[in-house]
Structure formats: structure tokens, C-alpha cells
């Protein structure tokens, strides 16, 4: 069974600082993340100056600044991303980033990214999809806020060019989202509907939703990551700090172990219990050589080291090879 991919969503929690970004990468690796994810954007390319902030952004950032000003402040330079990518390569962790505009895709191509992550908000940005599709690279597509016909249209857009290496991330686009809105059974429906790997971008509080998603078959789990929830910025409060993220990863890995490979078999640790707890075909009375065994002559008794009850057909109407006392557990070599 393939290991579940755990993505530490650094996003914009670097607050525009390369030093902080590197520290976060290092901590995410210590926590056990498989991938660190950033957001690549050029504010002038995708945000109008009069765009309003989302409600959760107003709660965690300066109310006087506009959405554009907030985004502009979090924008990294091309050289910054080159340095971050180089740092990820050096530390042997995959660098992943969500591009929000065409220039960002071009930058990520320069950086030779392995795959793309597309934000829920951009599910319907077909200009962006056209650019990403032209790279022919695998993609992880978040589908928060989306209706099924919108998801189908975008997935088909990629499949038309024979790009089928797509993972859909079930997601509720609120920070944090309510338990009621999670609707995790959607993972099962999406798997059946699209026949694609399904993951979960977790914006809920705690670890329960991610564990349930793993149980429902999620192959990728993404969670926001920060060094300090009290830092300024839109996403820190809804993120996990290193201690929390370490527990998050451990919990997912434990769930993964519990799920196993899906093959029903007697486990190694059950074998002793099977020997003791199961019953074997046992003589109800002492019998002599040549006697024919009938059903009334046998009883099922522990331990289970002899023939089990499903082997009765091998015993009934057979003759004993020698004398046996009551409670002898019959073996194949005892009869003819």
C-alpha cells in the first residue's frame, strides 16, 4: 500500500520573509511532512485594487489595508522562490506551490517543479488551466466551493489532452470550517464518480477529520502550517504549529497502520489465541481400533491444535487405526 502523502501548507505564512520560510521548511521536515507547499503569485496579475477581504482575513489582519495590499505584502520575488526551491532540494523535501497567475506558472516551470497544486478558487480559471495543462505535469486540484458540474468540466479539460494524473482534494473553503460542513462522505462519492485519487485539504480544527478522511480512502492530506499562531497574517490562526503538526502526522501514520492492506488473514499476534481458543475434533468416549466414528462419538473441545470443525467430513464413517482414550483429539493419521 502506498504511503499517504502529507502536505505542510506553508502558503503565505512566511510573511514575505525568506528566513522564516526556510525555518518553516526545516520544522516541517522534522514534523514528518512529505511536501512543503507555498503560494506563488504576483498581486498585480490577479487582484483588483478594490477587492475586499474575506471575513476570516478581517479577523486576523489589519482592517485598514485592502485585500490587494495584504496580498502585495506577502508577495515573494522570483529570486526568493529560486532560493526556497534550492533549499528544499538540498533538504530532500518536495517543493510544491500553487500558482495564481500565468507569470507564476512560468516561474514554477523555470524552477522545474514536479507537479502543480491548483487552489479551490481557481477551479474555474480556464486561462490558468490552459497554461498549466500545457506543461503536461501531474496536478493536485482542490475543489472547495465547487459544484460537481464545475469539477467535471475542469477534469475533462485536462483529460482531453490525455492528462489523467490528477488528484482531487476535497475541501471546505473556510478557515476554520465547521464540522457540519465537512461532509467527508463526499470522498467516497468523488472516488466513484471520477475514478481518480482523492485527497483532503483540511481546514477544520483538530485531527479527527483528517483521520476520518484517511479511513475513507484519502491519499493526500494537506494542512496549514505555521511556527506561531500569533504571527500577523491571514492564515496563522487556522494553522498547526510544529508541536501540533507532529501530532497530526503521527495520528495519520497510526491511522494508516490501522487500515492495513485490506487482506483478511489470521494475524501473527492472533495465532496463539487461535491455538488456545479454537476447538478441535475430540473423542467423546474411549474407542478401539477398527471402530467406525459416528457423529455421536465426537465433541468439539479446546485447544485448537487438531482438526477443526470444518474437517468433520474427513472423520465421520472412518475407522480408527488403534485404540484411543476419551478426549483424544483426532488427527489425519489416526484414521483409515
Protein backbone atom coordinates (compact mmCIF):
# COMPACT_ATOMS: atom_id res chain seq x y z
CA UNK A 1 0.00 0.00 0.00
CA UNK A 2 1.34 3.44 -0.94
CA UNK A 3 2.04 5.84 1.90
CA UNK A 4 -0.40 8.72 2.34
CA UNK A 5 1.22 11.97 1.23
CA UNK A 6 1.18 14.65 3.94
CA UNK A 7 1.49 18.24 2.74
CA UNK A 8 2.55 21.05 5.07
CA UNK A 9 0.77 24.08 3.62
CA UNK A 10 3.12 26.94 4.39
CA UNK A 11 1.24 29.08 1.89
CA UNK A 12 1.84 32.72 2.81
CA UNK A 13 2.74 32.04 6.43
CA UNK A 14 6.34 33.01 5.64
CA UNK A 15 5.05 36.63 5.87
CA UNK A 16 7.32 37.61 2.99
CA UNK A 17 10.49 36.52 4.84
CA UNK A 18 12.93 34.05 3.25
CA UNK A 19 14.50 33.44 6.64
CA UNK A 20 11.12 32.48 8.10
CA UNK A 21 10.30 30.35 5.05
CA UNK A 22 13.50 28.32 5.48
CA UNK A 23 12.88 27.86 9.17
CA UNK A 24 9.37 26.59 8.40
CA UNK A 25 10.70 24.13 5.82
CA UNK A 26 13.18 22.76 8.37
CA UNK A 27 10.48 22.40 11.02
CA UNK A 28 8.03 20.77 8.59
CA UNK A 29 10.66 18.15 7.76
CA UNK A 30 11.19 17.46 11.49
CA UNK A 31 7.42 17.04 11.88
CA UNK A 32 7.35 14.37 9.16
CA UNK A 33 5.81 16.23 6.20
CA UNK A 34 6.38 14.73 2.73
CA UNK A 35 5.86 18.00 0.86
CA UNK A 36 6.03 21.70 1.72
CA UNK A 37 3.62 23.85 -0.25
CA UNK A 38 3.82 27.56 -0.97
CA UNK A 39 1.72 30.02 -2.96
CA UNK A 40 3.24 31.75 -5.97
CA UNK A 41 1.62 34.96 -7.17
CA UNK A 42 2.14 38.46 -8.46
CA UNK A 43 -0.55 40.62 -6.90
CA UNK A 44 -0.96 42.92 -9.91
CA UNK A 45 -1.74 39.88 -12.08
CA UNK A 46 -4.75 38.53 -10.18
CA UNK A 47 -6.18 41.01 -7.64
CA UNK A 48 -8.05 44.26 -8.31
CA UNK A 49 -7.11 47.12 -6.03
CA UNK A 50 -10.64 47.43 -4.59
CA UNK A 51 -11.13 43.71 -3.78
CA UNK A 52 -12.50 43.22 -0.25
CA UNK A 53 -11.03 40.86 2.28
CA UNK A 54 -12.77 37.63 3.29
CA UNK A 55 -14.34 37.65 6.75
CA UNK A 56 -11.65 35.43 8.31
CA UNK A 57 -8.94 37.71 6.84
CA UNK A 58 -10.51 40.74 8.52
CA UNK A 59 -10.30 38.95 11.87
CA UNK A 60 -6.59 38.21 11.59
CA UNK A 61 -5.10 41.15 9.64
CA UNK A 62 -5.11 44.95 9.60
CA UNK A 63 -8.67 46.05 8.88
CA UNK A 64 -7.45 49.26 7.25
CA UNK A 65 -5.50 47.56 4.46
CA UNK A 66 -7.24 46.23 1.34
CA UNK A 67 -7.12 42.64 0.11
CA UNK A 68 -4.69 43.81 -2.58
CA UNK A 69 -2.41 45.45 -0.03
CA UNK A 70 -2.44 42.30 2.10
CA UNK A 71 -1.56 40.10 -0.91
CA UNK A 72 1.10 42.52 -2.17
CA UNK A 73 2.79 42.49 1.24
CA UNK A 74 3.01 38.66 1.13
CA UNK A 75 4.40 38.52 -2.41
CA UNK A 76 7.84 36.94 -2.84
CA UNK A 77 10.31 37.81 -5.59
CA UNK A 78 11.44 35.38 -8.29
CA UNK A 79 14.83 35.17 -6.66
CA UNK A 80 13.14 34.29 -3.35
CA UNK A 81 11.37 31.31 -4.89
CA UNK A 82 14.58 30.15 -6.53
CA UNK A 83 16.27 30.22 -3.15
CA UNK A 84 13.37 28.38 -1.48
CA UNK A 85 13.32 25.68 -4.17
CA UNK A 86 17.09 25.22 -3.86
CA UNK A 87 16.73 24.95 -0.08
CA UNK A 88 14.00 22.28 -0.43
CA UNK A 89 16.15 20.29 -2.87
CA UNK A 90 19.13 20.49 -0.51
CA UNK A 91 16.97 19.23 2.38
CA UNK A 92 15.38 16.48 0.26
CA UNK A 93 11.75 17.56 0.53
CA UNK A 94 9.47 18.26 -2.40
CA UNK A 95 8.74 21.92 -3.12
CA UNK A 96 5.16 22.41 -4.28
CA UNK A 97 3.44 25.70 -4.98
CA UNK A 98 0.05 26.98 -6.05
CA UNK A 99 0.30 29.45 -8.94
CA UNK A 100 -2.38 32.14 -9.07
CA UNK A 101 -1.48 33.68 -12.43
CA UNK A 102 0.28 32.95 -15.73
CA UNK A 103 3.57 34.59 -14.72
CA UNK A 104 3.67 32.34 -11.68
CA UNK A 105 3.30 29.19 -13.80
CA UNK A 106 6.19 30.40 -15.96
CA UNK A 107 8.30 30.93 -12.84
CA UNK A 108 7.45 27.48 -11.47
CA UNK A 109 8.39 25.95 -14.82
CA UNK A 110 11.77 27.65 -14.53
CA UNK A 111 12.09 26.01 -11.13
CA UNK A 112 11.27 22.61 -12.69
CA UNK A 113 8.51 21.72 -10.24
CA UNK A 114 7.41 18.09 -10.24
CA UNK A 115 3.67 18.88 -10.24
CA UNK A 116 1.14 21.64 -9.70
CA UNK A 117 -1.34 22.39 -6.96
CA UNK A 118 -4.37 24.41 -8.01
CA UNK A 119 -6.37 26.39 -5.44
CA UNK A 120 -10.10 25.84 -4.99
CA UNK A 121 -10.75 29.44 -6.02
CA UNK A 122 -9.12 28.78 -9.40
CA UNK A 123 -11.05 25.63 -10.33
CA UNK A 124 -12.92 27.68 -12.95
CA UNK A 125 -9.98 29.84 -14.16
CA UNK A 126 -9.66 28.21 -17.58
CA UNK A 127 -6.92 30.62 -18.71
CA UNK A 128 -4.76 29.44 -15.81
CA UNK A 129 -5.69 25.81 -16.55
CA UNK A 130 -4.71 26.21 -20.19
CA UNK A 131 -1.22 27.30 -19.13
CA UNK A 132 -0.86 24.53 -16.54
CA UNK A 133 -2.22 21.94 -18.97
CA UNK A 134 0.46 22.90 -21.50
CA UNK A 135 3.14 21.72 -19.02
CA UNK A 136 1.66 18.17 -19.11
CA UNK A 137 2.58 17.74 -15.46
CA UNK A 138 0.56 15.96 -12.75
CA UNK A 139 -1.70 18.14 -10.66
CA UNK A 140 -3.48 18.29 -7.34
CA UNK A 141 -6.79 20.09 -7.74
CA UNK A 142 -8.62 21.49 -4.71
CA UNK A 143 -12.38 21.57 -5.17
CA UNK A 144 -13.65 23.71 -2.29
CA UNK A 145 -16.68 25.92 -3.11
CA UNK A 146 -17.32 23.84 -6.26
CA UNK A 147 -20.38 22.11 -7.68
CA UNK A 148 -20.00 18.73 -9.39
CA UNK A 149 -20.57 20.05 -12.98
CA UNK A 150 -17.72 22.56 -12.48
CA UNK A 151 -15.37 19.81 -11.29
CA UNK A 152 -16.33 17.60 -14.23
CA UNK A 153 -15.72 20.37 -16.74
CA UNK A 154 -12.20 21.10 -15.45
CA UNK A 155 -11.23 17.42 -15.12
CA UNK A 156 -12.43 16.75 -18.67
CA UNK A 157 -10.45 19.77 -19.88
CA UNK A 158 -7.25 18.05 -18.74
CA UNK A 159 -8.28 14.59 -19.89
CA UNK A 160 -8.85 15.90 -23.43
CA UNK A 161 -5.08 16.32 -23.62
CA UNK A 162 -4.53 12.89 -22.06
CA UNK A 163 -3.56 14.36 -18.68
CA UNK A 164 -5.11 11.97 -16.18
CA UNK A 165 -2.56 12.14 -13.35
CA UNK A 166 -4.94 14.25 -11.27
CA UNK A 167 -5.66 14.12 -7.55
CA UNK A 168 -8.82 15.86 -6.38
CA UNK A 169 -8.69 17.40 -2.91
CA UNK A 170 -11.99 17.52 -1.07
CA UNK A 171 -12.01 20.82 0.78
CA UNK A 172 -14.27 23.27 2.61
CA UNK A 173 -13.03 26.79 1.89
CA UNK A 174 -13.38 28.46 5.26
CA UNK A 175 -10.71 28.99 7.92
CA UNK A 176 -11.52 27.17 10.12
CA UNK A 177 -14.52 25.34 8.68
CA UNK A 178 -17.29 23.84 10.81
CA UNK A 179 -17.62 20.10 11.46
CA UNK A 180 -21.09 20.18 9.94
CA UNK A 181 -19.77 21.48 6.63
CA UNK A 182 -17.04 18.81 6.21
CA UNK A 183 -19.34 16.22 4.58
CA UNK A 184 -16.49 13.70 4.39
CA UNK A 185 -18.62 11.03 2.70
CA UNK A 186 -18.11 13.16 -0.40
CA UNK A 187 -14.70 11.45 -0.68
CA UNK A 188 -16.44 8.14 -1.43
CA UNK A 189 -18.73 9.76 -3.98
CA UNK A 190 -15.86 11.57 -5.73
CA UNK A 191 -13.82 8.33 -5.96
CA UNK A 192 -16.72 6.56 -7.63
CA UNK A 193 -17.64 9.48 -9.87
CA UNK A 194 -14.19 10.40 -11.18
CA UNK A 195 -12.12 7.23 -10.71
CA UNK A 196 -9.23 9.43 -9.56
CA UNK A 197 -7.19 9.56 -6.34
CA UNK A 198 -8.98 11.72 -3.78
CA UNK A 199 -7.29 13.68 -1.01
CA UNK A 200 -8.38 16.09 1.68
CA UNK A 201 -7.31 19.67 2.28
CA UNK A 202 -8.13 20.01 5.97
CA UNK A 203 -9.32 23.40 7.18
CA UNK A 204 -11.03 22.01 10.28
CA UNK A 205 -9.86 22.23 13.88
CA UNK A 206 -8.20 19.17 15.39
CA UNK A 207 -7.13 15.90 13.76
CA UNK A 208 -10.38 13.92 13.62
CA UNK A 209 -11.42 15.00 10.12
CA UNK A 210 -8.07 14.02 8.61
CA UNK A 211 -8.16 10.60 10.28
CA UNK A 212 -11.70 10.01 9.01
CA UNK A 213 -10.60 11.10 5.53
CA UNK A 214 -7.78 8.55 5.64
CA UNK A 215 -10.34 5.90 6.62
CA UNK A 216 -12.46 6.87 3.64
CA UNK A 217 -9.51 6.42 1.28
CA UNK A 218 -7.82 9.84 1.04
CA UNK A 219 -4.34 9.52 -0.50
CA UNK A 220 -3.16 13.10 0.16
CA UNK A 221 -3.73 15.12 3.33
CA UNK A 222 -2.94 18.84 3.39
CA UNK A 223 -2.93 21.08 6.46
CA UNK A 224 -1.82 24.67 7.06
CA UNK A 225 1.45 25.00 8.96
CA UNK A 226 2.92 27.87 10.98
CA UNK A 227 5.67 28.39 13.52
CA UNK A 228 3.48 30.63 15.66
CA UNK A 229 -0.30 31.09 15.53
CA UNK A 230 0.07 34.62 16.88
CA UNK A 231 2.10 35.94 13.96
CA UNK A 232 0.41 38.58 11.80
CA UNK A 233 -1.10 37.28 8.57
CA UNK A 234 -4.37 35.78 7.29
CA UNK A 235 -3.68 32.06 7.82
CA UNK A 236 -1.63 31.67 11.01
CA UNK A 237 -4.56 31.26 13.41
CA UNK A 238 -6.07 28.42 11.35
CA UNK A 239 -2.71 26.62 11.05
CA UNK A 240 -0.95 24.00 13.16
CA UNK A 241 2.26 24.88 14.98
CA UNK A 242 5.18 22.38 14.91
CA UNK A 243 4.08 20.53 18.05
CA UNK A 244 0.53 20.19 16.71
CA UNK A 245 1.71 19.24 13.22
CA UNK A 246 3.96 16.49 14.62
CA UNK A 247 0.96 15.01 16.44
CA UNK A 248 -1.12 15.43 13.27
CA UNK A 249 1.42 13.46 11.21
CA UNK A 250 1.76 10.77 13.89
CA UNK A 251 -2.04 10.39 14.08
CA UNK A 252 -2.32 9.95 10.32
CA UNK A 253 0.52 7.41 10.25
CA UNK A 254 -1.19 5.45 13.04
CA UNK A 255 -4.47 5.51 11.11
CA UNK A 256 -2.58 4.28 8.05
CA UNK A 257 -1.17 1.34 10.01
CA UNK A 258 -4.61 0.54 11.43
CA UNK A 259 -6.13 0.43 7.95
CA UNK A 260 -3.60 -2.18 6.82
CA UNK A 261 -3.64 -3.71 3.36
CA UNK A 262 -7.28 -4.81 3.32
CA UNK A 263 -6.41 -8.53 3.08
CA UNK A 264 -8.31 -10.61 5.66
CA UNK A 265 -5.99 -13.15 7.28
CA UNK A 266 -5.05 -14.51 10.69
CA UNK A 267 -2.60 -12.02 12.10
CA UNK A 268 0.67 -13.17 13.64
CA UNK A 269 -0.41 -11.95 17.09
CA UNK A 270 -3.69 -13.93 16.80
CA UNK A 271 -2.07 -17.31 16.21
CA UNK A 272 -1.57 -18.22 19.85
CA UNK A 273 -5.18 -17.27 20.57
CA UNK A 274 -6.29 -19.44 17.66
CA UNK A 275 -4.38 -22.43 19.08
CA UNK A 276 -5.93 -21.96 22.52
CA UNK A 277 -9.36 -20.53 21.74
CA UNK A 278 -10.44 -22.65 18.82
CA UNK A 279 -11.70 -26.21 19.28
CA UNK A 280 -10.59 -29.48 17.71
CA UNK A 281 -12.47 -32.70 16.85
CA UNK A 282 -12.28 -34.72 20.07
CA UNK A 283 -13.42 -38.25 21.04
CA UNK A 284 -16.42 -38.19 23.34
CA UNK A 285 -15.57 -41.69 24.63
CA UNK A 286 -12.71 -44.18 24.55
CA UNK A 287 -12.74 -46.15 21.29
CA UNK A 288 -10.98 -49.25 19.96
CA UNK A 289 -9.01 -49.96 16.79
CA UNK A 290 -11.32 -50.64 13.82
CA UNK A 291 -14.32 -48.86 15.30
CA UNK A 292 -16.19 -46.56 12.93
CA UNK A 293 -16.50 -42.95 14.07
CA UNK A 294 -20.02 -41.53 14.05
CA UNK A 295 -21.12 -38.01 14.85
CA UNK A 296 -22.33 -39.08 18.30
CA UNK A 297 -18.77 -40.21 19.10
CA UNK A 298 -17.18 -36.76 18.77
CA UNK A 299 -17.31 -33.42 20.55
CA UNK A 300 -15.58 -30.07 19.88
CA UNK A 301 -13.10 -29.13 22.62
CA UNK A 302 -10.22 -26.76 23.11
CA UNK A 303 -7.33 -26.41 22.29
CA UNK A 304 -7.45 -25.82 18.55
CA UNK A 305 -4.27 -27.74 17.74
CA UNK A 306 -6.08 -30.59 15.98
CA UNK A 307 -8.57 -30.82 13.14
CA UNK A 308 -11.14 -28.02 13.27
CA UNK A 309 -14.89 -28.49 12.96
CA UNK A 310 -14.90 -27.81 9.24
CA UNK A 311 -12.95 -31.07 8.78
CA UNK A 312 -15.71 -33.31 10.24
CA UNK A 313 -16.33 -34.76 6.77
CA UNK A 314 -12.83 -36.28 6.93
CA UNK A 315 -13.64 -38.16 10.16
CA UNK A 316 -17.24 -39.39 10.01
CA UNK A 317 -17.62 -43.03 8.89
CA UNK A 318 -13.86 -43.60 9.06
CA UNK A 319 -12.16 -46.41 11.07
CA UNK A 320 -9.65 -45.87 13.85
CA UNK A 321 -6.14 -47.26 13.30
CA UNK A 322 -5.63 -48.03 17.05
CA UNK A 323 -7.17 -47.65 20.48
CA UNK A 324 -7.75 -44.12 21.72
CA UNK A 325 -8.91 -42.80 25.08
CA UNK A 326 -11.68 -40.28 25.69
CA UNK A 327 -10.67 -36.68 24.87
CA UNK A 328 -8.12 -37.75 22.27
CA UNK A 329 -8.09 -35.14 19.51
CA UNK A 330 -8.26 -36.90 16.17
CA UNK A 331 -5.53 -36.37 13.55
CA UNK A 332 -5.50 -37.45 9.89
CA UNK A 333 -3.02 -40.23 10.61
CA UNK A 334 -5.40 -41.76 13.23
CA UNK A 335 -7.93 -42.96 10.68
CA UNK A 336 -8.24 -45.03 7.51
